[in-house]
Amino acid sequence: MKKITLLLALILIYSLCFGQIKKLEIPKKELIGKIAPGGNSTISIECYKYEDSTYLFRYLDAKFSRITEWKQFSIKSTEDLNTLYSYLQNGFKEMPKENVLLDIGNGYLLLNFSKFLGGKVVRIYHSTTLDENGVVGYTNMYTVKQIDKLFGKE
């Protein structure tokens, strides 16, 4: 009786251990654009499109000068991506003095337009809340041409 109980217990433990692992499909992504300032091999931001028309932006957090930390945010549709691009282009034309706050569904983007070395640049702040303390990270400053390259509009 003890042997049968032990055998049943071992079979139960064996089935529970291997029954929890599942094989998942890795979603395929397509590189839309990336920015490597100065032409060096260090990428500072890149944009990917997934099969379900979700766009992922991965950026090197410019908050730290000696730490390499990648952050990311996502845009849910092609329409939202085009809207973000149009806000960036309009910002370069108008150069608003106030920051532009955008709700992206799973967080917020703050677009800070300024002039740097005689050219127009934008810095993108990524936040999870409307509070100033909710800033997750921010990008380097990018020019109009770099933003075009990021969005695949070369």
N, C-alpha and C. Protein backbone atom coordinates (compact mmCIF):
# COMPACT_ATOMS: atom_id res chain seq x y z
N MET A 1 0.82 -1.19 0.00
CA MET A 1 0.00 0.00 0.00
C MET A 1 0.87 1.26 0.00
N LYS A 2 1.96 1.21 0.78
CA LYS A 2 2.86 2.35 0.84
C LYS A 2 3.51 2.60 -0.51
N LYS A 3 3.84 1.52 -1.24
CA LYS A 3 4.48 1.65 -2.53
C LYS A 3 3.53 2.27 -3.55
N ILE A 4 2.27 1.87 -3.50
CA ILE A 4 1.28 2.43 -4.43
C ILE A 4 1.06 3.91 -4.14
N THR A 5 0.95 4.27 -2.87
CA THR A 5 0.77 5.67 -2.48
C THR A 5 1.98 6.50 -2.91
N LEU A 6 3.18 5.95 -2.70
CA LEU A 6 4.39 6.64 -3.09
C LEU A 6 4.45 6.82 -4.61
N LEU A 7 4.07 5.78 -5.36
CA LEU A 7 4.08 5.84 -6.81
C LEU A 7 3.08 6.90 -7.32
N LEU A 8 1.89 6.93 -6.74
CA LEU A 8 0.88 7.93 -7.13
C LEU A 8 1.35 9.35 -6.79
N ALA A 9 1.99 9.50 -5.64
CA ALA A 9 2.50 10.82 -5.25
C ALA A 9 3.59 11.29 -6.22
N LEU A 10 4.49 10.37 -6.60
CA LEU A 10 5.55 10.73 -7.55
C LEU A 10 4.98 11.10 -8.92
N ILE A 11 3.99 10.37 -9.37
CA ILE A 11 3.36 10.68 -10.65
C ILE A 11 2.68 12.05 -10.58
N LEU A 12 2.01 12.35 -9.50
CA LEU A 12 1.36 13.64 -9.33
C LEU A 12 2.38 14.77 -9.31
N ILE A 13 3.47 14.60 -8.57
CA ILE A 13 4.51 15.64 -8.50
C ILE A 13 5.15 15.83 -9.87
N TYR A 14 5.43 14.73 -10.56
CA TYR A 14 6.04 14.78 -11.89
C TYR A 14 5.13 15.53 -12.87
N SER A 15 3.85 15.25 -12.84
CA SER A 15 2.93 15.92 -13.78
C SER A 15 2.76 17.41 -13.44
N LEU A 16 2.80 17.77 -12.17
CA LEU A 16 2.69 19.18 -11.79
C LEU A 16 3.93 19.97 -12.18
N CYS A 17 5.09 19.36 -12.06
CA CYS A 17 6.34 20.05 -12.38
C CYS A 17 6.44 20.37 -13.86
N PHE A 18 6.10 19.43 -14.70
CA PHE A 18 6.25 19.64 -16.13
C PHE A 18 4.99 20.20 -16.78
N GLY A 19 3.90 20.27 -16.05
CA GLY A 19 2.66 20.79 -16.61
C GLY A 19 2.59 22.31 -16.60
N GLN A 20 3.54 22.99 -15.94
CA GLN A 20 3.50 24.44 -15.82
C GLN A 20 4.27 25.15 -16.93
N ILE A 21 5.12 24.44 -17.64
CA ILE A 21 5.92 25.07 -18.68
C ILE A 21 5.16 25.01 -19.99
N LYS A 22 5.03 26.17 -20.62
CA LYS A 22 4.32 26.25 -21.89
C LYS A 22 5.20 26.95 -22.90
N LYS A 23 5.13 26.51 -24.12
CA LYS A 23 5.88 27.16 -25.19
C LYS A 23 5.04 28.30 -25.74
N LEU A 24 5.64 29.49 -25.81
CA LEU A 24 4.96 30.66 -26.33
C LEU A 24 5.63 31.10 -27.62
N GLU A 25 4.85 31.66 -28.50
CA GLU A 25 5.38 32.20 -29.74
C GLU A 25 5.89 33.62 -29.48
N ILE A 26 7.06 33.91 -29.97
CA ILE A 26 7.62 35.25 -29.84
C ILE A 26 7.04 36.10 -30.97
N PRO A 27 6.38 37.21 -30.62
CA PRO A 27 5.79 38.05 -31.68
C PRO A 27 6.87 38.62 -32.59
N LYS A 28 6.60 38.60 -33.88
CA LYS A 28 7.56 39.11 -34.86
C LYS A 28 7.48 40.63 -34.89
N LYS A 29 8.65 41.25 -34.99
CA LYS A 29 8.69 42.71 -35.05
C LYS A 29 9.54 43.16 -36.22
N GLU A 30 9.22 44.35 -36.70
CA GLU A 30 9.91 44.94 -37.84
C GLU A 30 10.47 46.28 -37.40
N LEU A 31 11.75 46.51 -37.68
CA LEU A 31 12.38 47.78 -37.34
C LEU A 31 11.88 48.88 -38.27
N ILE A 32 11.30 49.92 -37.70
CA ILE A 32 10.81 51.06 -38.48
C ILE A 32 11.92 52.09 -38.66
N GLY A 33 12.61 52.41 -37.57
CA GLY A 33 13.70 53.38 -37.64
C GLY A 33 14.47 53.41 -36.34
N LYS A 34 15.69 53.93 -36.42
CA LYS A 34 16.51 54.07 -35.22
C LYS A 34 17.40 55.29 -35.38
N ILE A 35 17.82 55.82 -34.25
CA ILE A 35 18.70 56.98 -34.24
C ILE A 35 19.98 56.60 -33.50
N ALA A 36 21.10 56.79 -34.17
CA ALA A 36 22.41 56.60 -33.58
C ALA A 36 23.16 57.92 -33.75
N PRO A 37 23.10 58.81 -32.76
CA PRO A 37 23.68 60.15 -32.91
C PRO A 37 25.17 60.10 -33.23
N GLY A 38 25.57 60.99 -34.12
CA GLY A 38 26.98 61.10 -34.48
C GLY A 38 27.45 59.98 -35.39
N GLY A 39 26.54 59.12 -35.84
CA GLY A 39 26.92 58.04 -36.73
C GLY A 39 27.63 56.90 -36.02
N ASN A 40 27.71 56.95 -34.70
CA ASN A 40 28.38 55.85 -34.00
C ASN A 40 27.44 54.66 -33.86
N SER A 41 27.94 53.58 -33.34
CA SER A 41 27.15 52.35 -33.27
C SER A 41 26.21 52.32 -32.07
N THR A 42 26.28 53.30 -31.18
CA THR A 42 25.42 53.33 -30.01
C THR A 42 24.05 53.90 -30.40
N ILE A 43 23.04 53.06 -30.35
CA ILE A 43 21.68 53.47 -30.69
C ILE A 43 21.09 54.15 -29.47
N SER A 44 20.42 55.29 -29.68
CA SER A 44 19.81 55.96 -28.54
C SER A 44 18.29 55.78 -28.50
N ILE A 45 17.66 55.51 -29.66
CA ILE A 45 16.23 55.23 -29.68
C ILE A 45 15.92 54.43 -30.94
N GLU A 46 14.95 53.52 -30.83
CA GLU A 46 14.54 52.72 -31.98
C GLU A 46 13.05 52.45 -31.89
N CYS A 47 12.43 52.26 -33.06
CA CYS A 47 10.99 52.03 -33.15
C CYS A 47 10.75 50.72 -33.88
N TYR A 48 9.92 49.85 -33.29
CA TYR A 48 9.57 48.57 -33.88
C TYR A 48 8.06 48.49 -34.09
N LYS A 49 7.67 47.78 -35.14
CA LYS A 49 6.25 47.51 -35.38
C LYS A 49 6.02 46.02 -35.22
N TYR A 50 5.02 45.68 -34.39
CA TYR A 50 4.64 44.28 -34.21
C TYR A 50 3.50 43.93 -35.16
N GLU A 51 3.23 42.63 -35.30
CA GLU A 51 2.21 42.13 -36.22
C GLU A 51 0.83 42.70 -35.94
N ASP A 52 0.54 43.00 -34.68
CA ASP A 52 -0.79 43.51 -34.31
C ASP A 52 -0.88 45.04 -34.40
N SER A 53 0.03 45.65 -35.16
CA SER A 53 0.10 47.11 -35.37
C SER A 53 0.36 47.89 -34.09
N THR A 54 1.02 47.26 -33.13
CA THR A 54 1.51 47.95 -31.95
C THR A 54 2.93 48.40 -32.23
N TYR A 55 3.26 49.61 -31.82
CA TYR A 55 4.59 50.16 -32.05
C TYR A 55 5.30 50.30 -30.72
N LEU A 56 6.52 49.81 -30.66
CA LEU A 56 7.33 49.86 -29.44
C LEU A 56 8.51 50.79 -29.67
N PHE A 57 8.67 51.74 -28.77
CA PHE A 57 9.82 52.65 -28.78
C PHE A 57 10.74 52.25 -27.62
N ARG A 58 11.97 51.88 -27.94
CA ARG A 58 13.00 51.59 -26.93
C ARG A 58 13.99 52.74 -26.98
N TYR A 59 14.30 53.31 -25.82
CA TYR A 59 15.24 54.42 -25.81
C TYR A 59 16.24 54.27 -24.67
N LEU A 60 17.41 54.80 -24.91
CA LEU A 60 18.46 54.84 -23.91
C LEU A 60 18.18 56.03 -23.01
N ASP A 61 17.94 55.77 -21.74
CA ASP A 61 17.57 56.83 -20.81
C ASP A 61 18.72 57.83 -20.67
N ALA A 62 18.47 59.08 -21.02
CA ALA A 62 19.49 60.12 -20.97
C ALA A 62 19.62 60.72 -19.56
N LYS A 63 18.85 60.21 -18.62
CA LYS A 63 18.91 60.72 -17.25
C LYS A 63 20.27 60.42 -16.62
N PHE A 64 20.86 59.29 -17.04
CA PHE A 64 22.13 58.86 -16.47
C PHE A 64 23.24 58.98 -17.51
N SER A 65 24.38 59.52 -17.12
CA SER A 65 25.48 59.66 -18.07
C SER A 65 26.40 58.44 -18.07
N ARG A 66 26.46 57.72 -16.97
CA ARG A 66 27.39 56.59 -16.87
C ARG A 66 26.68 55.23 -16.81
N ILE A 67 25.38 55.24 -16.70
CA ILE A 67 24.61 54.00 -16.62
C ILE A 67 23.85 53.81 -17.92
N THR A 68 23.95 52.62 -18.48
CA THR A 68 23.20 52.30 -19.70
C THR A 68 21.90 51.62 -19.28
N GLU A 69 20.82 52.35 -19.38
CA GLU A 69 19.52 51.80 -18.99
C GLU A 69 18.52 52.05 -20.11
N TRP A 70 17.92 50.97 -20.62
CA TRP A 70 16.94 51.06 -21.69
C TRP A 70 15.55 51.12 -21.11
N LYS A 71 14.74 52.03 -21.62
CA LYS A 71 13.33 52.16 -21.23
C LYS A 71 12.49 52.00 -22.48
N GLN A 72 11.19 51.83 -22.30
CA GLN A 72 10.33 51.66 -23.48
C GLN A 72 8.92 52.15 -23.19
N PHE A 73 8.24 52.51 -24.27
CA PHE A 73 6.82 52.81 -24.24
C PHE A 73 6.23 52.33 -25.55
N SER A 74 4.92 52.15 -25.57
CA SER A 74 4.30 51.62 -26.79
C SER A 74 3.13 52.49 -27.23
N ILE A 75 2.88 52.45 -28.53
CA ILE A 75 1.77 53.13 -29.17
C ILE A 75 0.89 52.03 -29.74
N LYS A 76 -0.43 52.13 -29.57
CA LYS A 76 -1.32 51.01 -29.86
C LYS A 76 -1.73 50.82 -31.31
N SER A 77 -1.60 51.85 -32.15
CA SER A 77 -2.07 51.69 -33.53
C SER A 77 -1.28 52.59 -34.46
N THR A 78 -1.42 52.32 -35.75
CA THR A 78 -0.77 53.14 -36.77
C THR A 78 -1.32 54.55 -36.75
N GLU A 79 -2.61 54.69 -36.49
CA GLU A 79 -3.22 56.01 -36.41
C GLU A 79 -2.60 56.83 -35.28
N ASP A 80 -2.39 56.20 -34.11
CA ASP A 80 -1.77 56.89 -32.98
C ASP A 80 -0.31 57.25 -33.29
N LEU A 81 0.37 56.37 -34.02
CA LEU A 81 1.75 56.66 -34.41
C LEU A 81 1.80 57.88 -35.32
N ASN A 82 0.89 57.94 -36.29
CA ASN A 82 0.83 59.10 -37.19
C ASN A 82 0.47 60.37 -36.44
N THR A 83 -0.39 60.26 -35.44
CA THR A 83 -0.75 61.42 -34.62
C THR A 83 0.45 61.92 -33.84
N LEU A 84 1.23 61.01 -33.26
CA LEU A 84 2.45 61.40 -32.54
C LEU A 84 3.42 62.09 -33.49
N TYR A 85 3.59 61.55 -34.68
CA TYR A 85 4.49 62.15 -35.67
C TYR A 85 4.02 63.56 -36.05
N SER A 86 2.71 63.73 -36.22
CA SER A 86 2.20 65.06 -36.59
C SER A 86 2.39 66.06 -35.45
N TYR A 87 2.23 65.63 -34.19
CA TYR A 87 2.50 66.53 -33.06
C TYR A 87 3.96 66.96 -33.04
N LEU A 88 4.85 66.02 -33.35
CA LEU A 88 6.27 66.37 -33.39
C LEU A 88 6.57 67.35 -34.52
N GLN A 89 6.02 67.11 -35.70
CA GLN A 89 6.26 68.00 -36.83
C GLN A 89 5.68 69.39 -36.58
N ASN A 90 4.46 69.45 -36.04
CA ASN A 90 3.85 70.75 -35.72
C ASN A 90 4.64 71.48 -34.65
N GLY A 91 5.17 70.73 -33.70
CA GLY A 91 5.99 71.35 -32.65
C GLY A 91 7.26 71.97 -33.22
N PHE A 92 7.88 71.31 -34.18
CA PHE A 92 9.06 71.88 -34.81
C PHE A 92 8.72 73.15 -35.59
N LYS A 93 7.54 73.21 -36.18
CA LYS A 93 7.13 74.40 -36.94
C LYS A 93 6.79 75.55 -36.01
N GLU A 94 6.01 75.27 -34.96
CA GLU A 94 5.50 76.32 -34.09
C GLU A 94 6.43 76.65 -32.92
N MET A 95 7.27 75.70 -32.50
CA MET A 95 8.16 75.83 -31.36
C MET A 95 7.42 76.38 -30.12
N PRO A 96 6.48 75.60 -29.57
CA PRO A 96 5.72 76.07 -28.42
C PRO A 96 6.62 76.27 -27.20
N LYS A 97 6.32 77.32 -26.45
CA LYS A 97 7.10 77.61 -25.24
C LYS A 97 6.77 76.64 -24.11
N GLU A 98 5.52 76.20 -24.08
CA GLU A 98 5.08 75.23 -23.07
C GLU A 98 5.29 73.81 -23.60
N ASN A 99 5.49 72.87 -22.69
CA ASN A 99 5.62 71.47 -23.08
C ASN A 99 4.28 70.94 -23.61
N VAL A 100 4.33 70.00 -24.53
CA VAL A 100 3.13 69.38 -25.09
C VAL A 100 2.94 68.04 -24.38
N LEU A 101 1.79 67.86 -23.72
CA LEU A 101 1.50 66.63 -22.98
C LEU A 101 0.58 65.76 -23.81
N LEU A 102 0.97 64.50 -24.01
CA LEU A 102 0.18 63.55 -24.80
C LEU A 102 -0.15 62.33 -23.97
N ASP A 103 -1.39 61.87 -24.04
CA ASP A 103 -1.82 60.64 -23.39
C ASP A 103 -1.69 59.51 -24.40
N ILE A 104 -0.86 58.51 -24.09
CA ILE A 104 -0.66 57.40 -25.02
C ILE A 104 -1.36 56.12 -24.56
N GLY A 105 -2.27 56.23 -23.64
CA GLY A 105 -3.04 55.07 -23.17
C GLY A 105 -2.41 54.41 -21.96
N ASN A 106 -1.18 53.95 -22.07
CA ASN A 106 -0.52 53.28 -20.95
C ASN A 106 0.49 54.19 -20.27
N GLY A 107 0.42 55.48 -20.53
CA GLY A 107 1.31 56.46 -19.94
C GLY A 107 1.16 57.80 -20.63
N TYR A 108 2.14 58.64 -20.43
CA TYR A 108 2.11 59.99 -20.98
C TYR A 108 3.46 60.33 -21.59
N LEU A 109 3.42 61.15 -22.63
CA LEU A 109 4.63 61.68 -23.23
C LEU A 109 4.59 63.19 -23.10
N LEU A 110 5.71 63.76 -22.77
CA LEU A 110 5.85 65.20 -22.66
C LEU A 110 6.89 65.60 -23.69
N LEU A 111 6.49 66.42 -24.64
CA LEU A 111 7.39 66.86 -25.71
C LEU A 111 7.92 68.25 -25.36
N ASN A 112 9.23 68.35 -25.24
CA ASN A 112 9.87 69.61 -24.88
C ASN A 112 10.67 70.10 -26.08
N PHE A 113 10.18 71.16 -26.74
CA PHE A 113 10.82 71.72 -27.91
C PHE A 113 11.70 72.89 -27.50
N SER A 114 12.90 72.96 -28.09
CA SER A 114 13.80 74.07 -27.78
C SER A 114 14.77 74.26 -28.95
N LYS A 115 15.57 75.31 -28.84
CA LYS A 115 16.62 75.56 -29.84
C LYS A 115 17.95 75.23 -29.18
N PHE A 116 18.79 74.54 -29.96
CA PHE A 116 20.10 74.12 -29.44
C PHE A 116 21.11 74.26 -30.57
N LEU A 117 22.13 75.06 -30.34
CA LEU A 117 23.17 75.32 -31.34
C LEU A 117 22.58 75.77 -32.67
N GLY A 118 21.57 76.63 -32.61
CA GLY A 118 20.96 77.20 -33.80
C GLY A 118 19.95 76.32 -34.50
N GLY A 119 19.71 75.11 -33.99
CA GLY A 119 18.74 74.22 -34.62
C GLY A 119 17.60 73.90 -33.67
N LYS A 120 16.51 73.39 -34.23
CA LYS A 120 15.35 73.01 -33.43
C LYS A 120 15.48 71.56 -32.99
N VAL A 121 15.23 71.32 -31.71
CA VAL A 121 15.33 69.97 -31.16
C VAL A 121 14.13 69.67 -30.27
N VAL A 122 13.91 68.39 -30.04
CA VAL A 122 12.86 67.95 -29.13
C VAL A 122 13.44 66.90 -28.19
N ARG A 123 13.01 66.94 -26.96
CA ARG A 123 13.33 65.91 -25.97
C ARG A 123 12.00 65.30 -25.55
N ILE A 124 11.92 63.98 -25.52
CA ILE A 124 10.68 63.28 -25.17
C ILE A 124 10.83 62.72 -23.76
N TYR A 125 9.93 63.16 -22.88
CA TYR A 125 9.86 62.64 -21.51
C TYR A 125 8.75 61.59 -21.47
N HIS A 126 9.03 60.46 -20.85
CA HIS A 126 8.06 59.37 -20.73
C HIS A 126 7.66 59.26 -19.26
N SER A 127 6.35 59.25 -19.00
CA SER A 127 5.85 59.24 -17.63
C SER A 127 4.69 58.26 -17.51
N THR A 128 4.52 57.72 -16.32
CA THR A 128 3.39 56.83 -16.07
C THR A 128 2.23 57.55 -15.39
N THR A 129 2.49 58.73 -14.83
CA THR A 129 1.45 59.51 -14.17
C THR A 129 1.58 60.97 -14.61
N LEU A 130 0.58 61.76 -14.28
CA LEU A 130 0.63 63.20 -14.59
C LEU A 130 1.49 63.97 -13.60
N ASP A 131 1.91 63.33 -12.54
CA ASP A 131 2.74 63.96 -11.52
C ASP A 131 4.18 64.10 -12.02
N GLU A 132 4.87 65.15 -11.61
CA GLU A 132 6.26 65.37 -12.01
C GLU A 132 7.17 64.22 -11.55
N ASN A 133 6.82 63.59 -10.44
CA ASN A 133 7.64 62.51 -9.90
C ASN A 133 7.44 61.20 -10.64
N GLY A 134 6.50 61.15 -11.57
CA GLY A 134 6.21 59.92 -12.30
C GLY A 134 7.03 59.74 -13.56
N VAL A 135 8.01 60.62 -13.82
CA VAL A 135 8.82 60.51 -15.03
C VAL A 135 9.66 59.24 -14.95
N VAL A 136 9.49 58.38 -15.95
CA VAL A 136 10.23 57.13 -16.01
C VAL A 136 11.61 57.38 -16.60
N GLY A 137 11.66 58.18 -17.65
CA GLY A 137 12.93 58.48 -18.30
C GLY A 137 12.73 59.48 -19.41
N TYR A 138 13.82 59.88 -20.03
CA TYR A 138 13.72 60.80 -21.15
C TYR A 138 14.82 60.53 -22.16
N THR A 139 14.58 60.99 -23.37
CA THR A 139 15.49 60.73 -24.48
C THR A 139 16.51 61.85 -24.60
N ASN A 140 17.45 61.65 -25.50
CA ASN A 140 18.35 62.73 -25.89
C ASN A 140 17.54 63.75 -26.67
N MET A 141 18.20 64.84 -27.08
CA MET A 141 17.54 65.83 -27.92
C MET A 141 17.70 65.40 -29.38
N TYR A 142 16.60 65.47 -30.14
CA TYR A 142 16.61 65.03 -31.53
C TYR A 142 16.17 66.15 -32.46
N THR A 143 16.77 66.17 -33.65
CA THR A 143 16.45 67.15 -34.67
C THR A 143 15.30 66.65 -35.54
N VAL A 144 14.84 67.49 -36.44
CA VAL A 144 13.76 67.12 -37.36
C VAL A 144 14.16 65.91 -38.20
N LYS A 145 15.38 65.93 -38.75
CA LYS A 145 15.84 64.83 -39.60
C LYS A 145 15.91 63.52 -38.81
N GLN A 146 16.35 63.59 -37.57
CA GLN A 146 16.44 62.38 -36.76
C GLN A 146 15.05 61.81 -36.45
N ILE A 147 14.09 62.68 -36.20
CA ILE A 147 12.71 62.22 -35.95
C ILE A 147 12.14 61.58 -37.22
N ASP A 148 12.40 62.18 -38.37
CA ASP A 148 11.97 61.59 -39.64
C ASP A 148 12.55 60.19 -39.81
N LYS A 149 13.82 60.05 -39.48
CA LYS A 149 14.49 58.74 -39.60
C LYS A 149 13.87 57.73 -38.64
N LEU A 150 13.57 58.16 -37.42
CA LEU A 150 12.97 57.27 -36.43
C LEU A 150 11.62 56.74 -36.89
N PHE A 151 10.82 57.59 -37.52
CA PHE A 151 9.49 57.21 -37.97
C PHE A 151 9.49 56.62 -39.38
N GLY A 152 10.67 56.39 -39.95
CA GLY A 152 10.77 55.78 -41.27
C GLY A 152 10.30 56.69 -42.40
N LYS A 153 10.45 58.00 -42.23
CA LYS A 153 9.97 58.97 -43.22
C LYS A 153 11.12 59.59 -44.02
N GLU A 154 12.21 58.89 -44.17
CA GLU A 154 13.38 59.44 -44.86
C GLU A 154 13.10 59.75 -46.30
